[in-house]
Amino acid sequence: MAIKLHRCSNQWVKLEGHPCWRVERALIDQGIEYERVPGPWRRGRRTRIKEATGQVSYPAIQFEDGTWYREPSKEMAARIREGRLLDR
């Protein structure tokens, strides 16, 4: 499974409360292979995320078939840890 994690460009931030790191850490802990796609810091420049999810917030996951998944990071991380990432 090849997925892309669209996240902020502050990849050095690895704090528990950081939304992007929360989801990335869940992917790592579950052994899910992914490609990190850092995006623009400014919300106004996040056109790709906006077009795909209707939101400008990070993180978002893009699946190999081109579909996207986005919800609050706590829910995303919980879903990943429960093994339900592909349940769409």
PDB file of N, CA and C in Angstrom:
ATOM      1  N   MET A   1       0.846  -1.175   0.000  1.00  0.00           N
ATOM      2  CA  MET A   1       0.000   0.000   0.000  1.00  0.00           C
ATOM      3  C   MET A   1       0.889   1.235   0.000  1.00  0.00           C
ATOM      4  N   ALA A   2       0.704   2.076  -0.974  1.00  0.00           N
ATOM      5  CA  ALA A   2       1.468   3.321  -1.030  1.00  0.00           C
ATOM      6  C   ALA A   2       0.522   4.469  -0.705  1.00  0.00           C
ATOM      7  N   ILE A   3       0.760   5.130   0.431  1.00  0.00           N
ATOM      8  CA  ILE A   3      -0.044   6.286   0.784  1.00  0.00           C
ATOM      9  C   ILE A   3       0.875   7.492   0.940  1.00  0.00           C
ATOM     10  N   LYS A   4       0.274   8.655   0.837  1.00  0.00           N
ATOM     11  CA  LYS A   4       1.029   9.894   1.002  1.00  0.00           C
ATOM     12  C   LYS A   4       0.450  10.650   2.194  1.00  0.00           C
ATOM     13  N   LEU A   5       1.327  11.028   3.098  1.00  0.00           N
ATOM     14  CA  LEU A   5       0.931  11.836   4.241  1.00  0.00           C
ATOM     15  C   LEU A   5       1.242  13.289   3.920  1.00  0.00           C
ATOM     16  N   HIS A   6       0.206  14.069   3.699  1.00  0.00           N
ATOM     17  CA  HIS A   6       0.368  15.496   3.453  1.00  0.00           C
ATOM     18  C   HIS A   6       0.361  16.167   4.819  1.00  0.00           C
ATOM     19  N   ARG A   7       1.471  16.843   5.118  1.00  0.00           N
ATOM     20  CA  ARG A   7       1.639  17.436   6.436  1.00  0.00           C
ATOM     21  C   ARG A   7       2.338  18.777   6.316  1.00  0.00           C
ATOM     22  N   CYS A   8       2.473  19.458   7.429  1.00  0.00           N
ATOM     23  CA  CYS A   8       3.138  20.756   7.420  1.00  0.00           C
ATOM     24  C   CYS A   8       4.632  20.573   7.141  1.00  0.00           C
ATOM     25  N   SER A   9       5.269  21.656   6.816  1.00  0.00           N
ATOM     26  CA  SER A   9       6.691  21.576   6.495  1.00  0.00           C
ATOM     27  C   SER A   9       7.578  21.599   7.742  1.00  0.00           C
ATOM     28  N   ASN A  10       6.995  21.747   8.913  1.00  0.00           N
ATOM     29  CA  ASN A  10       7.758  21.713  10.169  1.00  0.00           C
ATOM     30  C   ASN A  10       7.998  20.269  10.597  1.00  0.00           C
ATOM     31  N   GLN A  11       8.750  19.540   9.804  1.00  0.00           N
ATOM     32  CA  GLN A  11       8.947  18.116  10.042  1.00  0.00           C
ATOM     33  C   GLN A  11       9.797  17.827  11.263  1.00  0.00           C
ATOM     34  N   TRP A  12      10.481  18.815  11.757  1.00  0.00           N
ATOM     35  CA  TRP A  12      11.327  18.647  12.932  1.00  0.00           C
ATOM     36  C   TRP A  12      10.508  18.661  14.224  1.00  0.00           C
ATOM     37  N   VAL A  13       9.253  19.143  14.155  1.00  0.00           N
ATOM     38  CA  VAL A  13       8.410  19.196  15.355  1.00  0.00           C
ATOM     39  C   VAL A  13       7.901  17.794  15.660  1.00  0.00           C
ATOM     40  N   LYS A  14       8.324  17.266  16.793  1.00  0.00           N
ATOM     41  CA  LYS A  14       7.911  15.924  17.199  1.00  0.00           C
ATOM     42  C   LYS A  14       7.395  15.963  18.631  1.00  0.00           C
ATOM     43  N   LEU A  15       6.349  16.771  18.810  1.00  0.00           N
ATOM     44  CA  LEU A  15       5.702  16.918  20.107  1.00  0.00           C
ATOM     45  C   LEU A  15       4.377  16.171  20.094  1.00  0.00           C
ATOM     46  N   GLU A  16       4.000  15.617  21.217  1.00  0.00           N
ATOM     47  CA  GLU A  16       2.765  14.846  21.333  1.00  0.00           C
ATOM     48  C   GLU A  16       1.545  15.573  20.765  1.00  0.00           C
ATOM     49  N   GLY A  17       1.419  16.863  21.059  1.00  0.00           N
ATOM     50  CA  GLY A  17       0.230  17.597  20.663  1.00  0.00           C
ATOM     51  C   GLY A  17       0.225  18.115  19.237  1.00  0.00           C
ATOM     52  N   HIS A  18       1.317  17.948  18.510  1.00  0.00           N
ATOM     53  CA  HIS A  18       1.380  18.448  17.134  1.00  0.00           C
ATOM     54  C   HIS A  18       0.572  17.518  16.230  1.00  0.00           C
ATOM     55  N   PRO A  19      -0.458  18.029  15.547  1.00  0.00           N
ATOM     56  CA  PRO A  19      -1.343  17.176  14.757  1.00  0.00           C
ATOM     57  C   PRO A  19      -0.633  16.328  13.701  1.00  0.00           C
ATOM     58  N   CYS A  20       0.283  16.932  12.970  1.00  0.00           N
ATOM     59  CA  CYS A  20       0.971  16.192  11.906  1.00  0.00           C
ATOM     60  C   CYS A  20       1.812  15.061  12.488  1.00  0.00           C
ATOM     61  N   TRP A  21       2.518  15.343  13.572  1.00  0.00           N
ATOM     62  CA  TRP A  21       3.354  14.316  14.188  1.00  0.00           C
ATOM     63  C   TRP A  21       2.497  13.212  14.804  1.00  0.00           C
ATOM     64  N   ARG A  22       1.353  13.577  15.355  1.00  0.00           N
ATOM     65  CA  ARG A  22       0.463  12.578  15.955  1.00  0.00           C
ATOM     66  C   ARG A  22       0.083  11.512  14.923  1.00  0.00           C
ATOM     67  N   VAL A  23      -0.296  11.955  13.741  1.00  0.00           N
ATOM     68  CA  VAL A  23      -0.699  11.023  12.686  1.00  0.00           C
ATOM     69  C   VAL A  23       0.514  10.286  12.125  1.00  0.00           C
ATOM     70  N   GLU A  24       1.602  10.998  11.911  1.00  0.00           N
ATOM     71  CA  GLU A  24       2.804  10.352  11.382  1.00  0.00           C
ATOM     72  C   GLU A  24       3.300   9.285  12.349  1.00  0.00           C
ATOM     73  N   ARG A  25       3.280   9.572  13.631  1.00  0.00           N
ATOM     74  CA  ARG A  25       3.728   8.613  14.640  1.00  0.00           C
ATOM     75  C   ARG A  25       2.850   7.357  14.647  1.00  0.00           C
ATOM     76  N   ALA A  26       1.553   7.544  14.460  1.00  0.00           N
ATOM     77  CA  ALA A  26       0.643   6.397  14.390  1.00  0.00           C
ATOM     78  C   ALA A  26       0.981   5.514  13.185  1.00  0.00           C
ATOM     79  N   LEU A  27       1.284   6.147  12.052  1.00  0.00           N
ATOM     80  CA  LEU A  27       1.676   5.378  10.861  1.00  0.00           C
ATOM     81  C   LEU A  27       2.963   4.592  11.133  1.00  0.00           C
ATOM     82  N   ILE A  28       3.926   5.238  11.753  1.00  0.00           N
ATOM     83  CA  ILE A  28       5.204   4.590  12.075  1.00  0.00           C
ATOM     84  C   ILE A  28       4.976   3.422  13.031  1.00  0.00           C
ATOM     85  N   ASP A  29       4.230   3.675  14.100  1.00  0.00           N
ATOM     86  CA  ASP A  29       3.984   2.644  15.108  1.00  0.00           C
ATOM     87  C   ASP A  29       3.259   1.428  14.543  1.00  0.00           C
ATOM     88  N   GLN A  30       2.413   1.654  13.551  1.00  0.00           N
ATOM     89  CA  GLN A  30       1.669   0.543  12.953  1.00  0.00           C
ATOM     90  C   GLN A  30       2.421  -0.109  11.788  1.00  0.00           C
ATOM     91  N   GLY A  31       3.595   0.421  11.472  1.00  0.00           N
ATOM     92  CA  GLY A  31       4.401  -0.159  10.395  1.00  0.00           C
ATOM     93  C   GLY A  31       3.832   0.077   9.008  1.00  0.00           C
ATOM     94  N   ILE A  32       3.098   1.144   8.850  1.00  0.00           N
ATOM     95  CA  ILE A  32       2.493   1.455   7.555  1.00  0.00           C
ATOM     96  C   ILE A  32       3.478   2.299   6.739  1.00  0.00           C
ATOM     97  N   GLU A  33       3.784   1.832   5.548  1.00  0.00           N
ATOM     98  CA  GLU A  33       4.682   2.571   4.677  1.00  0.00           C
ATOM     99  C   GLU A  33       3.952   3.773   4.094  1.00  0.00           C
ATOM    100  N   TYR A  34       4.644   4.883   4.063  1.00  0.00           N
ATOM    101  CA  TYR A  34       4.042   6.104   3.559  1.00  0.00           C
ATOM    102  C   TYR A  34       5.123   7.007   2.993  1.00  0.00           C
ATOM    103  N   GLU A  35       4.681   7.954   2.198  1.00  0.00           N
ATOM    104  CA  GLU A  35       5.563   8.978   1.668  1.00  0.00           C
ATOM    105  C   GLU A  35       5.174  10.295   2.323  1.00  0.00           C
ATOM    106  N   ARG A  36       6.104  10.997   2.867  1.00  0.00           N
ATOM    107  CA  ARG A  36       5.849  12.288   3.502  1.00  0.00           C
ATOM    108  C   ARG A  36       5.830  13.363   2.420  1.00  0.00           C
ATOM    109  N   VAL A  37       4.755  14.152   2.413  1.00  0.00           N
ATOM    110  CA  VAL A  37       4.613  15.235   1.447  1.00  0.00           C
ATOM    111  C   VAL A  37       4.420  16.535   2.233  1.00  0.00           C
ATOM    112  N   PRO A  38       5.516  17.246   2.511  1.00  0.00           N
ATOM    113  CA  PRO A  38       5.378  18.502   3.229  1.00  0.00           C
ATOM    114  C   PRO A  38       4.753  19.565   2.332  1.00  0.00           C
ATOM    115  N   GLY A  39       3.848  20.333   2.925  1.00  0.00           N
ATOM    116  CA  GLY A  39       3.148  21.340   2.141  1.00  0.00           C
ATOM    117  C   GLY A  39       3.405  22.740   2.647  1.00  0.00           C
ATOM    118  N   PRO A  40       2.773  23.710   2.002  1.00  0.00           N
ATOM    119  CA  PRO A  40       2.963  25.111   2.365  1.00  0.00           C
ATOM    120  C   PRO A  40       2.530  25.406   3.799  1.00  0.00           C
ATOM    121  N   TRP A  41       3.247  26.303   4.423  1.00  0.00           N
ATOM    122  CA  TRP A  41       2.914  26.700   5.782  1.00  0.00           C
ATOM    123  C   TRP A  41       1.680  27.601   5.787  1.00  0.00           C
ATOM    124  N   ARG A  42       1.593  28.503   4.841  1.00  0.00           N
ATOM    125  CA  ARG A  42       0.476  29.456   4.786  1.00  0.00           C
ATOM    126  C   ARG A  42      -0.793  28.783   4.280  1.00  0.00           C
ATOM    127  N   ARG A  43      -1.865  28.969   5.020  1.00  0.00           N
ATOM    128  CA  ARG A  43      -3.147  28.344   4.665  1.00  0.00           C
ATOM    129  C   ARG A  43      -3.629  28.729   3.270  1.00  0.00           C
ATOM    130  N   GLY A  44      -3.389  29.948   2.870  1.00  0.00           N
ATOM    131  CA  GLY A  44      -3.844  30.414   1.566  1.00  0.00           C
ATOM    132  C   GLY A  44      -3.175  29.720   0.393  1.00  0.00           C
ATOM    133  N   ARG A  45      -2.068  29.078   0.641  1.00  0.00           N
ATOM    134  CA  ARG A  45      -1.339  28.383  -0.427  1.00  0.00           C
ATOM    135  C   ARG A  45      -1.583  26.874  -0.441  1.00  0.00           C
ATOM    136  N   ARG A  46      -2.457  26.412   0.396  1.00  0.00           N
ATOM    137  CA  ARG A  46      -2.727  24.970   0.481  1.00  0.00           C
ATOM    138  C   ARG A  46      -3.842  24.556  -0.482  1.00  0.00           C
ATOM    139  N   THR A  47      -3.695  24.935  -1.720  1.00  0.00           N
ATOM    140  CA  THR A  47      -4.749  24.689  -2.703  1.00  0.00           C
ATOM    141  C   THR A  47      -4.979  23.199  -2.960  1.00  0.00           C
ATOM    142  N   ARG A  48      -3.927  22.423  -2.970  1.00  0.00           N
ATOM    143  CA  ARG A  48      -4.076  20.985  -3.241  1.00  0.00           C
ATOM    144  C   ARG A  48      -4.917  20.300  -2.162  1.00  0.00           C
ATOM    145  N   ILE A  49      -4.641  20.611  -0.912  1.00  0.00           N
ATOM    146  CA  ILE A  49      -5.404  20.044   0.205  1.00  0.00           C
ATOM    147  C   ILE A  49      -6.857  20.524   0.142  1.00  0.00           C
ATOM    148  N   LYS A  50      -7.044  21.803  -0.109  1.00  0.00           N
ATOM    149  CA  LYS A  50      -8.385  22.393  -0.176  1.00  0.00           C
ATOM    150  C   LYS A  50      -9.217  21.739  -1.268  1.00  0.00           C
ATOM    151  N   GLU A  51      -8.626  21.549  -2.438  1.00  0.00           N
ATOM    152  CA  GLU A  51      -9.359  20.935  -3.548  1.00  0.00           C
ATOM    153  C   GLU A  51      -9.715  19.484  -3.243  1.00  0.00           C
ATOM    154  N   ALA A  52      -8.830  18.773  -2.573  1.00  0.00           N
ATOM    155  CA  ALA A  52      -9.027  17.343  -2.331  1.00  0.00           C
ATOM    156  C   ALA A  52      -9.936  17.051  -1.144  1.00  0.00           C
ATOM    157  N   THR A  53      -9.833  17.862  -0.078  1.00  0.00           N
ATOM    158  CA  THR A  53     -10.571  17.547   1.150  1.00  0.00           C
ATOM    159  C   THR A  53     -11.632  18.573   1.513  1.00  0.00           C
ATOM    160  N   GLY A  54     -11.587  19.747   0.877  1.00  0.00           N
ATOM    161  CA  GLY A  54     -12.511  20.807   1.226  1.00  0.00           C
ATOM    162  C   GLY A  54     -12.050  21.599   2.445  1.00  0.00           C
ATOM    163  N   GLN A  55     -10.885  21.252   2.983  1.00  0.00           N
ATOM    164  CA  GLN A  55     -10.331  21.913   4.158  1.00  0.00           C
ATOM    165  C   GLN A  55      -8.898  22.350   3.856  1.00  0.00           C
ATOM    166  N   VAL A  56      -8.383  23.250   4.681  1.00  0.00           N
ATOM    167  CA  VAL A  56      -7.001  23.682   4.499  1.00  0.00           C
ATOM    168  C   VAL A  56      -6.098  23.201   5.625  1.00  0.00           C
ATOM    169  N   SER A  57      -6.614  22.365   6.486  1.00  0.00           N
ATOM    170  CA  SER A  57      -5.842  21.895   7.641  1.00  0.00           C
ATOM    171  C   SER A  57      -5.053  20.638   7.321  1.00  0.00           C
ATOM    172  N   TYR A  58      -3.880  20.539   7.950  1.00  0.00           N
ATOM    173  CA  TYR A  58      -3.069  19.326   7.908  1.00  0.00           C
ATOM    174  C   TYR A  58      -3.381  18.507   9.150  1.00  0.00           C
ATOM    175  N   PRO A  59      -3.086  17.250   9.158  1.00  0.00           N
ATOM    176  CA  PRO A  59      -2.608  16.404   8.081  1.00  0.00           C
ATOM    177  C   PRO A  59      -3.760  15.835   7.257  1.00  0.00           C
ATOM    178  N   ALA A  60      -3.408  15.270   6.113  1.00  0.00           N
ATOM    179  CA  ALA A  60      -4.351  14.575   5.245  1.00  0.00           C
ATOM    180  C   ALA A  60      -3.613  13.408   4.609  1.00  0.00           C
ATOM    181  N   ILE A  61      -4.342  12.366   4.323  1.00  0.00           N
ATOM    182  CA  ILE A  61      -3.750  11.167   3.705  1.00  0.00           C
ATOM    183  C   ILE A  61      -4.355  10.987   2.323  1.00  0.00           C
ATOM    184  N   GLN A  62      -3.478  10.754   1.363  1.00  0.00           N
ATOM    185  CA  GLN A  62      -3.893  10.473  -0.009  1.00  0.00           C
ATOM    186  C   GLN A  62      -3.566   9.012  -0.294  1.00  0.00           C
ATOM    187  N   PHE A  63      -4.581   8.255  -0.708  1.00  0.00           N
ATOM    188  CA  PHE A  63      -4.390   6.843  -1.001  1.00  0.00           C
ATOM    189  C   PHE A  63      -3.929   6.644  -2.441  1.00  0.00           C
ATOM    190  N   GLU A  64      -3.444   5.460  -2.706  1.00  0.00           N
ATOM    191  CA  GLU A  64      -2.897   5.127  -4.021  1.00  0.00           C
ATOM    192  C   GLU A  64      -3.933   5.305  -5.132  1.00  0.00           C
ATOM    193  N   ASP A  65      -5.211   5.080  -4.818  1.00  0.00           N
ATOM    194  CA  ASP A  65      -6.249   5.209  -5.840  1.00  0.00           C
ATOM    195  C   ASP A  65      -6.685   6.660  -6.073  1.00  0.00           C
ATOM    196  N   GLY A  66      -6.043   7.599  -5.364  1.00  0.00           N
ATOM    197  CA  GLY A  66      -6.338   9.012  -5.555  1.00  0.00           C
ATOM    198  C   GLY A  66      -7.343   9.587  -4.575  1.00  0.00           C
ATOM    199  N   THR A  67      -7.962   8.745  -3.745  1.00  0.00           N
ATOM    200  CA  THR A  67      -8.895   9.257  -2.757  1.00  0.00           C
ATOM    201  C   THR A  67      -8.132   9.821  -1.559  1.00  0.00           C
ATOM    202  N   TRP A  68      -8.806  10.678  -0.814  1.00  0.00           N
ATOM    203  CA  TRP A  68      -8.194  11.364   0.323  1.00  0.00           C
ATOM    204  C   TRP A  68      -8.957  11.061   1.596  1.00  0.00           C
ATOM    205  N   TYR A  69      -8.262  11.175   2.722  1.00  0.00           N
ATOM    206  CA  TYR A  69      -8.851  10.993   4.047  1.00  0.00           C
ATOM    207  C   TYR A  69      -8.381  12.136   4.931  1.00  0.00           C
ATOM    208  N   ARG A  70      -9.332  12.820   5.564  1.00  0.00           N
ATOM    209  CA  ARG A  70      -8.998  13.934   6.449  1.00  0.00           C
ATOM    210  C   ARG A  70     -10.066  14.061   7.520  1.00  0.00           C
ATOM    211  N   GLU A  71      -9.665  14.071   8.749  1.00  0.00           N
ATOM    212  CA  GLU A  71     -10.498  14.418   9.886  1.00  0.00           C
ATOM    213  C   GLU A  71      -9.555  14.905  10.982  1.00  0.00           C
ATOM    214  N   PRO A  72     -10.042  15.343  12.124  1.00  0.00           N
ATOM    215  CA  PRO A  72      -9.127  15.812  13.166  1.00  0.00           C
ATOM    216  C   PRO A  72      -8.053  14.761  13.484  1.00  0.00           C
ATOM    217  N   SER A  73      -6.851  15.234  13.790  1.00  0.00           N
ATOM    218  CA  SER A  73      -5.699  14.343  13.937  1.00  0.00           C
ATOM    219  C   SER A  73      -5.881  13.273  15.006  1.00  0.00           C
ATOM    220  N   LYS A  74      -6.586  13.580  16.082  1.00  0.00           N
ATOM    221  CA  LYS A  74      -6.813  12.572  17.126  1.00  0.00           C
ATOM    222  C   LYS A  74      -7.623  11.406  16.577  1.00  0.00           C
ATOM    223  N   GLU A  75      -8.656  11.718  15.790  1.00  0.00           N
ATOM    224  CA  GLU A  75      -9.477  10.672  15.184  1.00  0.00           C
ATOM    225  C   GLU A  75      -8.695   9.897  14.124  1.00  0.00           C
ATOM    226  N   MET A  76      -7.871  10.621  13.357  1.00  0.00           N
ATOM    227  CA  MET A  76      -7.050   9.945  12.349  1.00  0.00           C
ATOM    228  C   MET A  76      -6.084   8.962  13.013  1.00  0.00           C
ATOM    229  N   ALA A  77      -5.396   9.421  14.054  1.00  0.00           N
ATOM    230  CA  ALA A  77      -4.430   8.567  14.739  1.00  0.00           C
ATOM    231  C   ALA A  77      -5.122   7.355  15.362  1.00  0.00           C
ATOM    232  N   ALA A  78      -6.285   7.559  15.964  1.00  0.00           N
ATOM    233  CA  ALA A  78      -7.020   6.446  16.569  1.00  0.00           C
ATOM    234  C   ALA A  78      -7.416   5.424  15.507  1.00  0.00           C
ATOM    235  N   ARG A  79      -7.896   5.894  14.388  1.00  0.00           N
ATOM    236  CA  ARG A  79      -8.298   4.998  13.305  1.00  0.00           C
ATOM    237  C   ARG A  79      -7.107   4.182  12.788  1.00  0.00           C
ATOM    238  N   ILE A  80      -5.968   4.841  12.650  1.00  0.00           N
ATOM    239  CA  ILE A  80      -4.756   4.152  12.193  1.00  0.00           C
ATOM    240  C   ILE A  80      -4.348   3.094  13.205  1.00  0.00           C
ATOM    241  N   ARG A  81      -4.326   3.456  14.479  1.00  0.00           N
ATOM    242  CA  ARG A  81      -3.918   2.519  15.538  1.00  0.00           C
ATOM    243  C   ARG A  81      -4.876   1.346  15.689  1.00  0.00           C
ATOM    244  N   GLU A  82      -6.134   1.557  15.347  1.00  0.00           N
ATOM    245  CA  GLU A  82      -7.132   0.479  15.402  1.00  0.00           C
ATOM    246  C   GLU A  82      -7.087  -0.415  14.158  1.00  0.00           C
ATOM    247  N   GLY A  83      -6.240  -0.074  13.213  1.00  0.00           N
ATOM    248  CA  GLY A  83      -6.118  -0.873  11.997  1.00  0.00           C
ATOM    249  C   GLY A  83      -7.248  -0.638  11.012  1.00  0.00           C
ATOM    250  N   ARG A  84      -7.893   0.506  11.099  1.00  0.00           N
ATOM    251  CA  ARG A  84      -9.051   0.799  10.240  1.00  0.00           C
ATOM    252  C   ARG A  84      -8.766   1.874   9.197  1.00  0.00           C
ATOM    253  N   LEU A  85      -7.495   2.116   8.899  1.00  0.00           N
ATOM    254  CA  LEU A  85      -7.159   3.176   7.944  1.00  0.00           C
ATOM    255  C   LEU A  85      -7.800   2.934   6.577  1.00  0.00           C
ATOM    256  N   LEU A  86      -7.874   1.702   6.155  1.00  0.00           N
ATOM    257  CA  LEU A  86      -8.405   1.398   4.829  1.00  0.00           C
ATOM    258  C   LEU A  86      -9.919   1.202   4.815  1.00  0.00           C
ATOM    259  N   ASP A  87     -10.573   1.241   5.975  1.00  0.00           N
ATOM    260  CA  ASP A  87     -12.028   1.114   6.045  1.00  0.00           C
ATOM    261  C   ASP A  87     -12.650   2.436   5.621  1.00  0.00           C
ATOM    262  N   ARG A  88     -13.082   2.488   4.380  1.00  0.00           N
ATOM    263  CA  ARG A  88     -13.679   3.730   3.876  1.00  0.00           C
ATOM    264  C   ARG A  88     -15.060   3.475   3.382  1.00  0.00           C
TER     265      ARG A  88
END
